[in-house]
Amino acid sequence: MRVEYTVTVHEPARAALFTRLFGSATVGVCSRFPSAVTVPELGAVLAYRLNLALIGPAARARLVDHLAARFGHDAEFVDRQLDAMGVPIIAEGCTVSRIEGWKVAGSPDGGHPGREVLSGGTL
């Protein structure tokens, strides 16, 4: 069974940005465990990694345009670097959840994915 993890951003300004970029304040991440990263404005912080394989081409284009404008690079450069560099999601103010693969038809919940909240609030 495939297990995926999502992060929901709760801080209003960041949630609005995620909703604009991805259509939701909840996005897929590569692991339930955050790792230490260095962010220019904040220094060392814990962050999840956005699962780029789970966003569609339109969301990727919006993300590339946003990052290019924010960091002053051209969109082609950002797009080339995205997979290699990854996209950190600062863990503070987020909840990580586990999504299990689709359950067998006829299961008590009607075959919908299972969801288990693993942690919440500020990490």
PDB file of N, CA and C in Angstrom:
ATOM      1  N   MET A   1       0.851  -1.181   0.000  1.00  0.00           N
ATOM      2  CA  MET A   1       0.000   0.000   0.000  1.00  0.00           C
ATOM      3  C   MET A   1       0.893   1.239   0.000  1.00  0.00           C
ATOM      4  N   ARG A   2       0.581   2.185  -0.863  1.00  0.00           N
ATOM      5  CA  ARG A   2       1.336   3.428  -0.948  1.00  0.00           C
ATOM      6  C   ARG A   2       0.901   4.375   0.165  1.00  0.00           C
ATOM      7  N   VAL A   3       1.881   5.009   0.825  1.00  0.00           N
ATOM      8  CA  VAL A   3       1.591   5.994   1.864  1.00  0.00           C
ATOM      9  C   VAL A   3       2.177   7.317   1.409  1.00  0.00           C
ATOM     10  N   GLU A   4       1.387   8.340   1.489  1.00  0.00           N
ATOM     11  CA  GLU A   4       1.836   9.685   1.169  1.00  0.00           C
ATOM     12  C   GLU A   4       1.552  10.575   2.362  1.00  0.00           C
ATOM     13  N   TYR A   5       2.251  11.680   2.409  1.00  0.00           N
ATOM     14  CA  TYR A   5       2.087  12.630   3.497  1.00  0.00           C
ATOM     15  C   TYR A   5       1.723  13.988   2.928  1.00  0.00           C
ATOM     16  N   THR A   6       0.896  14.704   3.669  1.00  0.00           N
ATOM     17  CA  THR A   6       0.532  16.059   3.292  1.00  0.00           C
ATOM     18  C   THR A   6       0.852  16.990   4.447  1.00  0.00           C
ATOM     19  N   VAL A   7       1.024  18.241   4.107  1.00  0.00           N
ATOM     20  CA  VAL A   7       1.193  19.299   5.098  1.00  0.00           C
ATOM     21  C   VAL A   7       0.115  20.335   4.834  1.00  0.00           C
ATOM     22  N   THR A   8      -0.541  20.762   5.910  1.00  0.00           N
ATOM     23  CA  THR A   8      -1.500  21.858   5.825  1.00  0.00           C
ATOM     24  C   THR A   8      -0.899  23.064   6.520  1.00  0.00           C
ATOM     25  N   VAL A   9      -0.844  24.176   5.807  1.00  0.00           N
ATOM     26  CA  VAL A   9      -0.318  25.427   6.352  1.00  0.00           C
ATOM     27  C   VAL A   9      -1.475  26.177   6.999  1.00  0.00           C
ATOM     28  N   HIS A  10      -1.311  26.562   8.268  1.00  0.00           N
ATOM     29  CA  HIS A  10      -2.392  27.213   9.002  1.00  0.00           C
ATOM     30  C   HIS A  10      -2.227  28.729   9.134  1.00  0.00           C
ATOM     31  N   GLU A  11      -1.022  29.231   9.032  1.00  0.00           N
ATOM     32  CA  GLU A  11      -0.790  30.674   9.160  1.00  0.00           C
ATOM     33  C   GLU A  11      -1.476  31.355   7.977  1.00  0.00           C
ATOM     34  N   PRO A  12      -2.355  32.343   8.229  1.00  0.00           N
ATOM     35  CA  PRO A  12      -3.222  32.888   7.173  1.00  0.00           C
ATOM     36  C   PRO A  12      -2.514  33.384   5.910  1.00  0.00           C
ATOM     37  N   ALA A  13      -1.448  34.150   6.034  1.00  0.00           N
ATOM     38  CA  ALA A  13      -0.789  34.691   4.836  1.00  0.00           C
ATOM     39  C   ALA A  13      -0.147  33.572   4.016  1.00  0.00           C
ATOM     40  N   ARG A  14       0.518  32.635   4.673  1.00  0.00           N
ATOM     41  CA  ARG A  14       1.127  31.513   3.956  1.00  0.00           C
ATOM     42  C   ARG A  14       0.056  30.607   3.366  1.00  0.00           C
ATOM     43  N   ALA A  15      -1.034  30.371   4.098  1.00  0.00           N
ATOM     44  CA  ALA A  15      -2.125  29.537   3.590  1.00  0.00           C
ATOM     45  C   ALA A  15      -2.723  30.161   2.329  1.00  0.00           C
ATOM     46  N   ALA A  16      -2.870  31.483   2.315  1.00  0.00           N
ATOM     47  CA  ALA A  16      -3.401  32.173   1.134  1.00  0.00           C
ATOM     48  C   ALA A  16      -2.456  32.012  -0.052  1.00  0.00           C
ATOM     49  N   LEU A  17      -1.145  32.111   0.188  1.00  0.00           N
ATOM     50  CA  LEU A  17      -0.166  31.915  -0.884  1.00  0.00           C
ATOM     51  C   LEU A  17      -0.245  30.493  -1.427  1.00  0.00           C
ATOM     52  N   PHE A  18      -0.301  29.507  -0.538  1.00  0.00           N
ATOM     53  CA  PHE A  18      -0.388  28.111  -0.979  1.00  0.00           C
ATOM     54  C   PHE A  18      -1.670  27.878  -1.778  1.00  0.00           C
ATOM     55  N   THR A  19      -2.760  28.466  -1.332  1.00  0.00           N
ATOM     56  CA  THR A  19      -4.028  28.315  -2.044  1.00  0.00           C
ATOM     57  C   THR A  19      -3.942  28.941  -3.432  1.00  0.00           C
ATOM     58  N   ARG A  20      -3.295  30.092  -3.533  1.00  0.00           N
ATOM     59  CA  ARG A  20      -3.122  30.727  -4.842  1.00  0.00           C
ATOM     60  C   ARG A  20      -2.241  29.886  -5.758  1.00  0.00           C
ATOM     61  N   LEU A  21      -1.155  29.333  -5.213  1.00  0.00           N
ATOM     62  CA  LEU A  21      -0.215  28.568  -6.031  1.00  0.00           C
ATOM     63  C   LEU A  21      -0.716  27.162  -6.357  1.00  0.00           C
ATOM     64  N   PHE A  22      -1.289  26.475  -5.344  1.00  0.00           N
ATOM     65  CA  PHE A  22      -1.595  25.048  -5.476  1.00  0.00           C
ATOM     66  C   PHE A  22      -3.085  24.712  -5.415  1.00  0.00           C
ATOM     67  N   GLY A  23      -3.929  25.719  -5.162  1.00  0.00           N
ATOM     68  CA  GLY A  23      -5.363  25.466  -5.073  1.00  0.00           C
ATOM     69  C   GLY A  23      -5.813  25.013  -3.706  1.00  0.00           C
ATOM     70  N   SER A  24      -4.884  24.922  -2.755  1.00  0.00           N
ATOM     71  CA  SER A  24      -5.206  24.446  -1.407  1.00  0.00           C
ATOM     72  C   SER A  24      -4.063  24.812  -0.467  1.00  0.00           C
ATOM     73  N   ALA A  25      -4.376  24.944   0.813  1.00  0.00           N
ATOM     74  CA  ALA A  25      -3.337  25.138   1.827  1.00  0.00           C
ATOM     75  C   ALA A  25      -2.717  23.809   2.223  1.00  0.00           C
ATOM     76  N   THR A  26      -3.206  22.704   1.661  1.00  0.00           N
ATOM     77  CA  THR A  26      -2.681  21.366   1.922  1.00  0.00           C
ATOM     78  C   THR A  26      -1.982  20.860   0.665  1.00  0.00           C
ATOM     79  N   VAL A  27      -0.720  20.439   0.830  1.00  0.00           N
ATOM     80  CA  VAL A  27       0.077  19.953  -0.298  1.00  0.00           C
ATOM     81  C   VAL A  27       0.796  18.664   0.092  1.00  0.00           C
ATOM     82  N   GLY A  28       1.165  17.883  -0.900  1.00  0.00           N
ATOM     83  CA  GLY A  28       1.923  16.664  -0.666  1.00  0.00           C
ATOM     84  C   GLY A  28       3.374  16.974  -0.340  1.00  0.00           C
ATOM     85  N   VAL A  29       3.944  16.206   0.586  1.00  0.00           N
ATOM     86  CA  VAL A  29       5.351  16.353   0.946  1.00  0.00           C
ATOM     87  C   VAL A  29       6.053  15.010   0.816  1.00  0.00           C
ATOM     88  N   CYS A  30       7.374  15.042   0.778  1.00  0.00           N
ATOM     89  CA  CYS A  30       8.174  13.834   0.553  1.00  0.00           C
ATOM     90  C   CYS A  30       8.299  12.951   1.791  1.00  0.00           C
ATOM     91  N   SER A  31       8.159  13.520   2.977  1.00  0.00           N
ATOM     92  CA  SER A  31       8.341  12.766   4.214  1.00  0.00           C
ATOM     93  C   SER A  31       7.561  13.425   5.333  1.00  0.00           C
ATOM     94  N   ARG A  32       7.203  12.636   6.328  1.00  0.00           N
ATOM     95  CA  ARG A  32       6.530  13.213   7.497  1.00  0.00           C
ATOM     96  C   ARG A  32       7.510  13.902   8.416  1.00  0.00           C
ATOM     97  N   PHE A  33       8.799  13.713   8.162  1.00  0.00           N
ATOM     98  CA  PHE A  33       9.825  14.291   9.027  1.00  0.00           C
ATOM     99  C   PHE A  33      10.421  15.538   8.381  1.00  0.00           C
ATOM    100  N   PRO A  34      10.397  16.663   9.085  1.00  0.00           N
ATOM    101  CA  PRO A  34      11.057  17.857   8.548  1.00  0.00           C
ATOM    102  C   PRO A  34      12.567  17.719   8.700  1.00  0.00           C
ATOM    103  N   SER A  35      13.303  18.468   7.902  1.00  0.00           N
ATOM    104  CA  SER A  35      14.755  18.495   8.004  1.00  0.00           C
ATOM    105  C   SER A  35      15.207  19.937   8.187  1.00  0.00           C
ATOM    106  N   ALA A  36      16.424  20.103   8.650  1.00  0.00           N
ATOM    107  CA  ALA A  36      16.968  21.443   8.869  1.00  0.00           C
ATOM    108  C   ALA A  36      17.389  22.042   7.532  1.00  0.00           C
ATOM    109  N   VAL A  37      16.959  23.266   7.294  1.00  0.00           N
ATOM    110  CA  VAL A  37      17.360  24.017   6.100  1.00  0.00           C
ATOM    111  C   VAL A  37      17.701  25.437   6.535  1.00  0.00           C
ATOM    112  N   THR A  38      18.423  26.145   5.702  1.00  0.00           N
ATOM    113  CA  THR A  38      18.732  27.545   5.976  1.00  0.00           C
ATOM    114  C   THR A  38      17.933  28.404   5.015  1.00  0.00           C
ATOM    115  N   VAL A  39      17.148  29.301   5.586  1.00  0.00           N
ATOM    116  CA  VAL A  39      16.303  30.211   4.812  1.00  0.00           C
ATOM    117  C   VAL A  39      16.890  31.614   4.979  1.00  0.00           C
ATOM    118  N   PRO A  40      17.094  32.350   3.866  1.00  0.00           N
ATOM    119  CA  PRO A  40      17.763  33.657   3.958  1.00  0.00           C
ATOM    120  C   PRO A  40      17.205  34.585   5.043  1.00  0.00           C
ATOM    121  N   GLU A  41      15.891  34.703   5.136  1.00  0.00           N
ATOM    122  CA  GLU A  41      15.298  35.651   6.102  1.00  0.00           C
ATOM    123  C   GLU A  41      15.257  35.118   7.530  1.00  0.00           C
ATOM    124  N   LEU A  42      15.344  33.795   7.707  1.00  0.00           N
ATOM    125  CA  LEU A  42      15.109  33.198   9.021  1.00  0.00           C
ATOM    126  C   LEU A  42      16.293  32.436   9.602  1.00  0.00           C
ATOM    127  N   GLY A  43      17.277  32.104   8.797  1.00  0.00           N
ATOM    128  CA  GLY A  43      18.386  31.273   9.268  1.00  0.00           C
ATOM    129  C   GLY A  43      17.976  29.810   9.241  1.00  0.00           C
ATOM    130  N   ALA A  44      18.484  29.035  10.210  1.00  0.00           N
ATOM    131  CA  ALA A  44      18.208  27.592  10.262  1.00  0.00           C
ATOM    132  C   ALA A  44      16.805  27.339  10.802  1.00  0.00           C
ATOM    133  N   VAL A  45      16.016  26.568  10.056  1.00  0.00           N
ATOM    134  CA  VAL A  45      14.648  26.205  10.451  1.00  0.00           C
ATOM    135  C   VAL A  45      14.380  24.763  10.039  1.00  0.00           C
ATOM    136  N   LEU A  46      13.328  24.190  10.597  1.00  0.00           N
ATOM    137  CA  LEU A  46      12.868  22.876  10.152  1.00  0.00           C
ATOM    138  C   LEU A  46      11.885  23.071   9.011  1.00  0.00           C
ATOM    139  N   ALA A  47      11.981  22.206   7.999  1.00  0.00           N
ATOM    140  CA  ALA A  47      11.096  22.344   6.841  1.00  0.00           C
ATOM    141  C   ALA A  47      10.801  20.976   6.244  1.00  0.00           C
ATOM    142  N   TYR A  48       9.611  20.857   5.699  1.00  0.00           N
ATOM    143  CA  TYR A  48       9.230  19.697   4.891  1.00  0.00           C
ATOM    144  C   TYR A  48       9.647  19.999   3.462  1.00  0.00           C
ATOM    145  N   ARG A  49       9.671  18.987   2.612  1.00  0.00           N
ATOM    146  CA  ARG A  49       9.976  19.167   1.190  1.00  0.00           C
ATOM    147  C   ARG A  49       8.721  18.915   0.373  1.00  0.00           C
ATOM    148  N   LEU A  50       8.342  19.902  -0.430  1.00  0.00           N
ATOM    149  CA  LEU A  50       7.198  19.767  -1.318  1.00  0.00           C
ATOM    150  C   LEU A  50       7.438  18.596  -2.263  1.00  0.00           C
ATOM    151  N   ASN A  51       6.440  17.741  -2.421  1.00  0.00           N
ATOM    152  CA  ASN A  51       6.534  16.629  -3.369  1.00  0.00           C
ATOM    153  C   ASN A  51       6.138  17.166  -4.744  1.00  0.00           C
ATOM    154  N   LEU A  52       7.136  17.515  -5.525  1.00  0.00           N
ATOM    155  CA  LEU A  52       6.893  18.122  -6.838  1.00  0.00           C
ATOM    156  C   LEU A  52       6.180  17.180  -7.795  1.00  0.00           C
ATOM    157  N   ALA A  53       6.297  15.870  -7.564  1.00  0.00           N
ATOM    158  CA  ALA A  53       5.633  14.904  -8.433  1.00  0.00           C
ATOM    159  C   ALA A  53       4.115  14.953  -8.284  1.00  0.00           C
ATOM    160  N   LEU A  54       3.627  15.559  -7.204  1.00  0.00           N
ATOM    161  CA  LEU A  54       2.190  15.579  -6.947  1.00  0.00           C
ATOM    162  C   LEU A  54       1.505  16.869  -7.368  1.00  0.00           C
ATOM    163  N   ILE A  55       2.275  17.857  -7.830  1.00  0.00           N
ATOM    164  CA  ILE A  55       1.642  19.087  -8.314  1.00  0.00           C
ATOM    165  C   ILE A  55       1.547  19.003  -9.831  1.00  0.00           C
ATOM    166  N   GLY A  56       0.529  19.586 -10.371  1.00  0.00           N
ATOM    167  CA  GLY A  56       0.337  19.556 -11.817  1.00  0.00           C
ATOM    168  C   GLY A  56       1.171  20.611 -12.519  1.00  0.00           C
ATOM    169  N   PRO A  57       1.171  20.582 -13.859  1.00  0.00           N
ATOM    170  CA  PRO A  57       1.962  21.541 -14.632  1.00  0.00           C
ATOM    171  C   PRO A  57       1.543  22.996 -14.402  1.00  0.00           C
ATOM    172  N   ALA A  58       0.257  23.252 -14.232  1.00  0.00           N
ATOM    173  CA  ALA A  58      -0.191  24.635 -14.002  1.00  0.00           C
ATOM    174  C   ALA A  58       0.305  25.143 -12.645  1.00  0.00           C
ATOM    175  N   ALA A  59       0.219  24.298 -11.621  1.00  0.00           N
ATOM    176  CA  ALA A  59       0.713  24.692 -10.290  1.00  0.00           C
ATOM    177  C   ALA A  59       2.225  24.889 -10.325  1.00  0.00           C
ATOM    178  N   ARG A  60       2.923  24.035 -11.050  1.00  0.00           N
ATOM    179  CA  ARG A  60       4.379  24.183 -11.161  1.00  0.00           C
ATOM    180  C   ARG A  60       4.714  25.507 -11.841  1.00  0.00           C
ATOM    181  N   ALA A  61       3.988  25.848 -12.882  1.00  0.00           N
ATOM    182  CA  ALA A  61       4.233  27.117 -13.582  1.00  0.00           C
ATOM    183  C   ALA A  61       4.001  28.305 -12.647  1.00  0.00           C
ATOM    184  N   ARG A  62       2.932  28.263 -11.851  1.00  0.00           N
ATOM    185  CA  ARG A  62       2.678  29.348 -10.885  1.00  0.00           C
ATOM    186  C   ARG A  62       3.795  29.417  -9.850  1.00  0.00           C
ATOM    187  N   LEU A  63       4.250  28.240  -9.369  1.00  0.00           N
ATOM    188  CA  LEU A  63       5.340  28.193  -8.392  1.00  0.00           C
ATOM    189  C   LEU A  63       6.618  28.774  -8.987  1.00  0.00           C
ATOM    190  N   VAL A  64       6.955  28.377 -10.205  1.00  0.00           N
ATOM    191  CA  VAL A  64       8.156  28.885 -10.872  1.00  0.00           C
ATOM    192  C   VAL A  64       8.080  30.398 -11.015  1.00  0.00           C
ATOM    193  N   ASP A  65       6.952  30.923 -11.463  1.00  0.00           N
ATOM    194  CA  ASP A  65       6.792  32.373 -11.622  1.00  0.00           C
ATOM    195  C   ASP A  65       6.931  33.092 -10.285  1.00  0.00           C
ATOM    196  N   HIS A  66       6.329  32.526  -9.232  1.00  0.00           N
ATOM    197  CA  HIS A  66       6.412  33.131  -7.900  1.00  0.00           C
ATOM    198  C   HIS A  66       7.863  33.167  -7.407  1.00  0.00           C
ATOM    199  N   LEU A  67       8.562  32.036  -7.509  1.00  0.00           N
ATOM    200  CA  LEU A  67       9.948  31.976  -7.031  1.00  0.00           C
ATOM    201  C   LEU A  67      10.869  32.859  -7.859  1.00  0.00           C
ATOM    202  N   ALA A  68      10.648  32.910  -9.165  1.00  0.00           N
ATOM    203  CA  ALA A  68      11.468  33.761 -10.032  1.00  0.00           C
ATOM    204  C   ALA A  68      11.318  35.230  -9.631  1.00  0.00           C
ATOM    205  N   ALA A  69      10.092  35.667  -9.392  1.00  0.00           N
ATOM    206  CA  ALA A  69       9.853  37.049  -8.995  1.00  0.00           C
ATOM    207  C   ALA A  69      10.430  37.328  -7.605  1.00  0.00           C
ATOM    208  N   ARG A  70      10.245  36.399  -6.691  1.00  0.00           N
ATOM    209  CA  ARG A  70      10.703  36.609  -5.301  1.00  0.00           C
ATOM    210  C   ARG A  70      12.220  36.693  -5.204  1.00  0.00           C
ATOM    211  N   PHE A  71      12.921  35.838  -5.945  1.00  0.00           N
ATOM    212  CA  PHE A  71      14.369  35.781  -5.813  1.00  0.00           C
ATOM    213  C   PHE A  71      15.133  36.444  -6.954  1.00  0.00           C
ATOM    214  N   GLY A  72      14.404  37.056  -7.911  1.00  0.00           N
ATOM    215  CA  GLY A  72      15.042  37.825  -8.966  1.00  0.00           C
ATOM    216  C   GLY A  72      15.779  37.000 -10.006  1.00  0.00           C
ATOM    217  N   HIS A  73      15.288  35.799 -10.283  1.00  0.00           N
ATOM    218  CA  HIS A  73      15.880  34.944 -11.323  1.00  0.00           C
ATOM    219  C   HIS A  73      14.869  34.803 -12.461  1.00  0.00           C
ATOM    220  N   ASP A  74      15.370  34.422 -13.637  1.00  0.00           N
ATOM    221  CA  ASP A  74      14.418  34.190 -14.718  1.00  0.00           C
ATOM    222  C   ASP A  74      13.733  32.842 -14.513  1.00  0.00           C
ATOM    223  N   ALA A  75      12.532  32.722 -15.054  1.00  0.00           N
ATOM    224  CA  ALA A  75      11.697  31.536 -14.838  1.00  0.00           C
ATOM    225  C   ALA A  75      12.357  30.264 -15.355  1.00  0.00           C
ATOM    226  N   GLU A  76      13.064  30.340 -16.473  1.00  0.00           N
ATOM    227  CA  GLU A  76      13.723  29.148 -17.018  1.00  0.00           C
ATOM    228  C   GLU A  76      14.772  28.608 -16.044  1.00  0.00           C
ATOM    229  N   PHE A  77      15.553  29.501 -15.438  1.00  0.00           N
ATOM    230  CA  PHE A  77      16.564  29.094 -14.456  1.00  0.00           C
ATOM    231  C   PHE A  77      15.897  28.416 -13.265  1.00  0.00           C
ATOM    232  N   VAL A  78      14.835  29.031 -12.735  1.00  0.00           N
ATOM    233  CA  VAL A  78      14.128  28.471 -11.580  1.00  0.00           C
ATOM    234  C   VAL A  78      13.567  27.094 -11.923  1.00  0.00           C
ATOM    235  N   ASP A  79      12.951  26.966 -13.082  1.00  0.00           N
ATOM    236  CA  ASP A  79      12.365  25.681 -13.482  1.00  0.00           C
ATOM    237  C   ASP A  79      13.427  24.584 -13.561  1.00  0.00           C
ATOM    238  N   ARG A  80      14.608  24.919 -14.097  1.00  0.00           N
ATOM    239  CA  ARG A  80      15.699  23.933 -14.194  1.00  0.00           C
ATOM    240  C   ARG A  80      16.207  23.530 -12.809  1.00  0.00           C
ATOM    241  N   GLN A  81      16.208  24.453 -11.868  1.00  0.00           N
ATOM    242  CA  GLN A  81      16.766  24.198 -10.535  1.00  0.00           C
ATOM    243  C   GLN A  81      15.772  23.555  -9.566  1.00  0.00           C
ATOM    244  N   LEU A  82      14.500  23.626  -9.883  1.00  0.00           N
ATOM    245  CA  LEU A  82      13.455  23.210  -8.947  1.00  0.00           C
ATOM    246  C   LEU A  82      13.621  21.765  -8.475  1.00  0.00           C
ATOM    247  N   ASP A  83      13.787  20.828  -9.385  1.00  0.00           N
ATOM    248  CA  ASP A  83      13.891  19.424  -8.990  1.00  0.00           C
ATOM    249  C   ASP A  83      15.159  19.155  -8.196  1.00  0.00           C
ATOM    250  N   ALA A  84      16.258  19.783  -8.579  1.00  0.00           N
ATOM    251  CA  ALA A  84      17.532  19.557  -7.883  1.00  0.00           C
ATOM    252  C   ALA A  84      17.549  20.200  -6.497  1.00  0.00           C
ATOM    253  N   MET A  85      17.007  21.388  -6.384  1.00  0.00           N
ATOM    254  CA  MET A  85      17.064  22.137  -5.122  1.00  0.00           C
ATOM    255  C   MET A  85      15.925  21.781  -4.178  1.00  0.00           C
ATOM    256  N   GLY A  86      14.773  21.428  -4.730  1.00  0.00           N
ATOM    257  CA  GLY A  86      13.606  21.169  -3.897  1.00  0.00           C
ATOM    258  C   GLY A  86      12.946  22.453  -3.438  1.00  0.00           C
ATOM    259  N   VAL A  87      11.797  22.300  -2.809  1.00  0.00           N
ATOM    260  CA  VAL A  87      11.046  23.453  -2.303  1.00  0.00           C
ATOM    261  C   VAL A  87      10.739  23.190  -0.829  1.00  0.00           C
ATOM    262  N   PRO A  88      11.401  23.915   0.079  1.00  0.00           N
ATOM    263  CA  PRO A  88      11.127  23.709   1.506  1.00  0.00           C
ATOM    264  C   PRO A  88       9.816  24.376   1.919  1.00  0.00           C
ATOM    265  N   ILE A  89       9.127  23.739   2.841  1.00  0.00           N
ATOM    266  CA  ILE A  89       7.926  24.305   3.456  1.00  0.00           C
ATOM    267  C   ILE A  89       8.234  24.406   4.942  1.00  0.00           C
ATOM    268  N   ILE A  90       8.355  25.613   5.449  1.00  0.00           N
ATOM    269  CA  ILE A  90       8.719  25.812   6.852  1.00  0.00           C
ATOM    270  C   ILE A  90       7.694  25.102   7.733  1.00  0.00           C
ATOM    271  N   ALA A  91       8.203  24.273   8.654  1.00  0.00           N
ATOM    272  CA  ALA A  91       7.351  23.403   9.465  1.00  0.00           C
ATOM    273  C   ALA A  91       6.502  24.167  10.485  1.00  0.00           C
ATOM    274  N   GLU A  92       6.991  25.293  10.953  1.00  0.00           N
ATOM    275  CA  GLU A  92       6.243  26.047  11.965  1.00  0.00           C
ATOM    276  C   GLU A  92       4.880  26.446  11.413  1.00  0.00           C
ATOM    277  N   GLY A  93       3.849  26.195  12.192  1.00  0.00           N
ATOM    278  CA  GLY A  93       2.498  26.559  11.787  1.00  0.00           C
ATOM    279  C   GLY A  93       1.843  25.583  10.832  1.00  0.00           C
ATOM    280  N   CYS A  94       2.390  24.360  10.738  1.00  0.00           N
ATOM    281  CA  CYS A  94       1.853  23.347   9.826  1.00  0.00           C
ATOM    282  C   CYS A  94       1.414  22.105  10.587  1.00  0.00           C
ATOM    283  N   THR A  95       0.536  21.355   9.962  1.00  0.00           N
ATOM    284  CA  THR A  95       0.140  20.034  10.444  1.00  0.00           C
ATOM    285  C   THR A  95       0.484  19.035   9.350  1.00  0.00           C
ATOM    286  N   VAL A  96       1.128  17.943   9.723  1.00  0.00           N
ATOM    287  CA  VAL A  96       1.444  16.898   8.748  1.00  0.00           C
ATOM    288  C   VAL A  96       0.466  15.745   8.943  1.00  0.00           C
ATOM    289  N   SER A  97      -0.013  15.192   7.834  1.00  0.00           N
ATOM    290  CA  SER A  97      -0.980  14.092   7.867  1.00  0.00           C
ATOM    291  C   SER A  97      -0.493  12.965   6.981  1.00  0.00           C
ATOM    292  N   ARG A  98      -0.939  11.777   7.317  1.00  0.00           N
ATOM    293  CA  ARG A  98      -0.614  10.586   6.532  1.00  0.00           C
ATOM    294  C   ARG A  98      -1.838  10.198   5.725  1.00  0.00           C
ATOM    295  N   ILE A  99      -1.645  10.012   4.424  1.00  0.00           N
ATOM    296  CA  ILE A  99      -2.715   9.585   3.537  1.00  0.00           C
ATOM    297  C   ILE A  99      -2.344   8.202   3.042  1.00  0.00           C
ATOM    298  N   GLU A 100      -3.163   7.216   3.330  1.00  0.00           N
ATOM    299  CA  GLU A 100      -2.894   5.874   2.831  1.00  0.00           C
ATOM    300  C   GLU A 100      -3.482   5.739   1.440  1.00  0.00           C
ATOM    301  N   GLY A 101      -2.937   4.813   0.667  1.00  0.00           N
ATOM    302  CA  GLY A 101      -3.445   4.560  -0.685  1.00  0.00           C
ATOM    303  C   GLY A 101      -4.908   4.156  -0.628  1.00  0.00           C
ATOM    304  N   TRP A 102      -5.539   4.158  -1.766  1.00  0.00           N
ATOM    305  CA  TRP A 102      -6.964   3.833  -1.820  1.00  0.00           C
ATOM    306  C   TRP A 102      -7.224   2.466  -1.221  1.00  0.00           C
ATOM    307  N   LYS A 103      -8.258   2.386  -0.412  1.00  0.00           N
ATOM    308  CA  LYS A 103      -8.615   1.127   0.240  1.00  0.00           C
ATOM    309  C   LYS A 103      -9.442   0.263  -0.708  1.00  0.00           C
ATOM    310  N   VAL A 104      -9.572  -0.997  -0.372  1.00  0.00           N
ATOM    311  CA  VAL A 104     -10.308  -1.953  -1.189  1.00  0.00           C
ATOM    312  C   VAL A 104     -11.784  -1.561  -1.241  1.00  0.00           C
ATOM    313  N   ALA A 105     -12.377  -1.648  -2.425  1.00  0.00           N
ATOM    314  CA  ALA A 105     -13.802  -1.350  -2.573  1.00  0.00           C
ATOM    315  C   ALA A 105     -14.599  -2.195  -1.592  1.00  0.00           C
ATOM    316  N   GLY A 106     -15.624  -1.624  -1.012  1.00  0.00           N
ATOM    317  CA  GLY A 106     -16.447  -2.329  -0.040  1.00  0.00           C
ATOM    318  C   GLY A 106     -15.948  -2.154   1.385  1.00  0.00           C
ATOM    319  N   SER A 107     -14.854  -1.369   1.565  1.00  0.00           N
ATOM    320  CA  SER A 107     -14.372  -1.120   2.924  1.00  0.00           C
ATOM    321  C   SER A 107     -15.390  -0.252   3.663  1.00  0.00           C
ATOM    322  N   PRO A 108     -15.382  -0.266   4.990  1.00  0.00           N
ATOM    323  CA  PRO A 108     -16.390   0.472   5.759  1.00  0.00           C
ATOM    324  C   PRO A 108     -16.494   1.953   5.428  1.00  0.00           C
ATOM    325  N   ASP A 109     -15.397   2.560   4.965  1.00  0.00           N
ATOM    326  CA  ASP A 109     -15.449   3.999   4.669  1.00  0.00           C
ATOM    327  C   ASP A 109     -15.785   4.282   3.207  1.00  0.00           C
ATOM    328  N   GLY A 110     -16.193   3.261   2.454  1.00  0.00           N
ATOM    329  CA  GLY A 110     -16.609   3.465   1.071  1.00  0.00           C
ATOM    330  C   GLY A 110     -15.460   3.547   0.083  1.00  0.00           C
ATOM    331  N   GLY A 111     -14.267   3.157   0.505  1.00  0.00           N
ATOM    332  CA  GLY A 111     -13.151   3.155  -0.421  1.00  0.00           C
ATOM    333  C   GLY A 111     -12.402   4.464  -0.516  1.00  0.00           C
ATOM    334  N   HIS A 112     -12.632   5.394   0.402  1.00  0.00           N
ATOM    335  CA  HIS A 112     -11.918   6.667   0.393  1.00  0.00           C
ATOM    336  C   HIS A 112     -10.574   6.509   1.076  1.00  0.00           C
ATOM    337  N   PRO A 113      -9.620   7.397   0.763  1.00  0.00           N
ATOM    338  CA  PRO A 113      -8.305   7.264   1.386  1.00  0.00           C
ATOM    339  C   PRO A 113      -8.414   7.478   2.895  1.00  0.00           C
ATOM    340  N   GLY A 114      -7.595   6.757   3.643  1.00  0.00           N
ATOM    341  CA  GLY A 114      -7.542   6.947   5.085  1.00  0.00           C
ATOM    342  C   GLY A 114      -6.694   8.157   5.397  1.00  0.00           C
ATOM    343  N   ARG A 115      -6.944   8.794   6.509  1.00  0.00           N
ATOM    344  CA  ARG A 115      -6.177   9.978   6.896  1.00  0.00           C
ATOM    345  C   ARG A 115      -5.908   9.910   8.391  1.00  0.00           C
ATOM    346  N   GLU A 116      -4.669  10.093   8.759  1.00  0.00           N
ATOM    347  CA  GLU A 116      -4.275  10.062  10.163  1.00  0.00           C
ATOM    348  C   GLU A 116      -3.405  11.279  10.428  1.00  0.00           C
ATOM    349  N   VAL A 117      -3.803  12.127  11.366  1.00  0.00           N
ATOM    350  CA  VAL A 117      -2.990  13.286  11.699  1.00  0.00           C
ATOM    351  C   VAL A 117      -1.848  12.830  12.582  1.00  0.00           C
ATOM    352  N   LEU A 118      -0.602  13.134  12.170  1.00  0.00           N
ATOM    353  CA  LEU A 118       0.565  12.662  12.896  1.00  0.00           C
ATOM    354  C   LEU A 118       1.066  13.672  13.908  1.00  0.00           C
ATOM    355  N   SER A 119       0.973  14.945  13.599  1.00  0.00           N
ATOM    356  CA  SER A 119       1.425  15.969  14.540  1.00  0.00           C
ATOM    357  C   SER A 119       0.746  17.267  14.160  1.00  0.00           C
ATOM    358  N   GLY A 120       0.742  18.197  15.076  1.00  0.00           N
ATOM    359  CA  GLY A 120       0.080  19.461  14.765  1.00  0.00           C
ATOM    360  C   GLY A 120       0.787  20.631  15.405  1.00  0.00           C
ATOM    361  N   GLY A 121       0.380  21.808  14.985  1.00  0.00           N
ATOM    362  CA  GLY A 121       0.915  23.031  15.575  1.00  0.00           C
ATOM    363  C   GLY A 121       2.347  23.294  15.174  1.00  0.00           C
ATOM    364  N   THR A 122       3.025  24.022  16.015  1.00  0.00           N
ATOM    365  CA  THR A 122       4.397  24.424  15.762  1.00  0.00           C
ATOM    366  C   THR A 122       5.340  23.305  16.108  1.00  0.00           C
ATOM    367  N   LEU A 123       6.260  23.020  15.208  1.00  0.00           N
ATOM    368  CA  LEU A 123       7.263  21.989  15.469  1.00  0.00           C
ATOM    369  C   LEU A 123       8.501  22.602  16.066  1.00  0.00           C
TER     370      LEU A 123
END
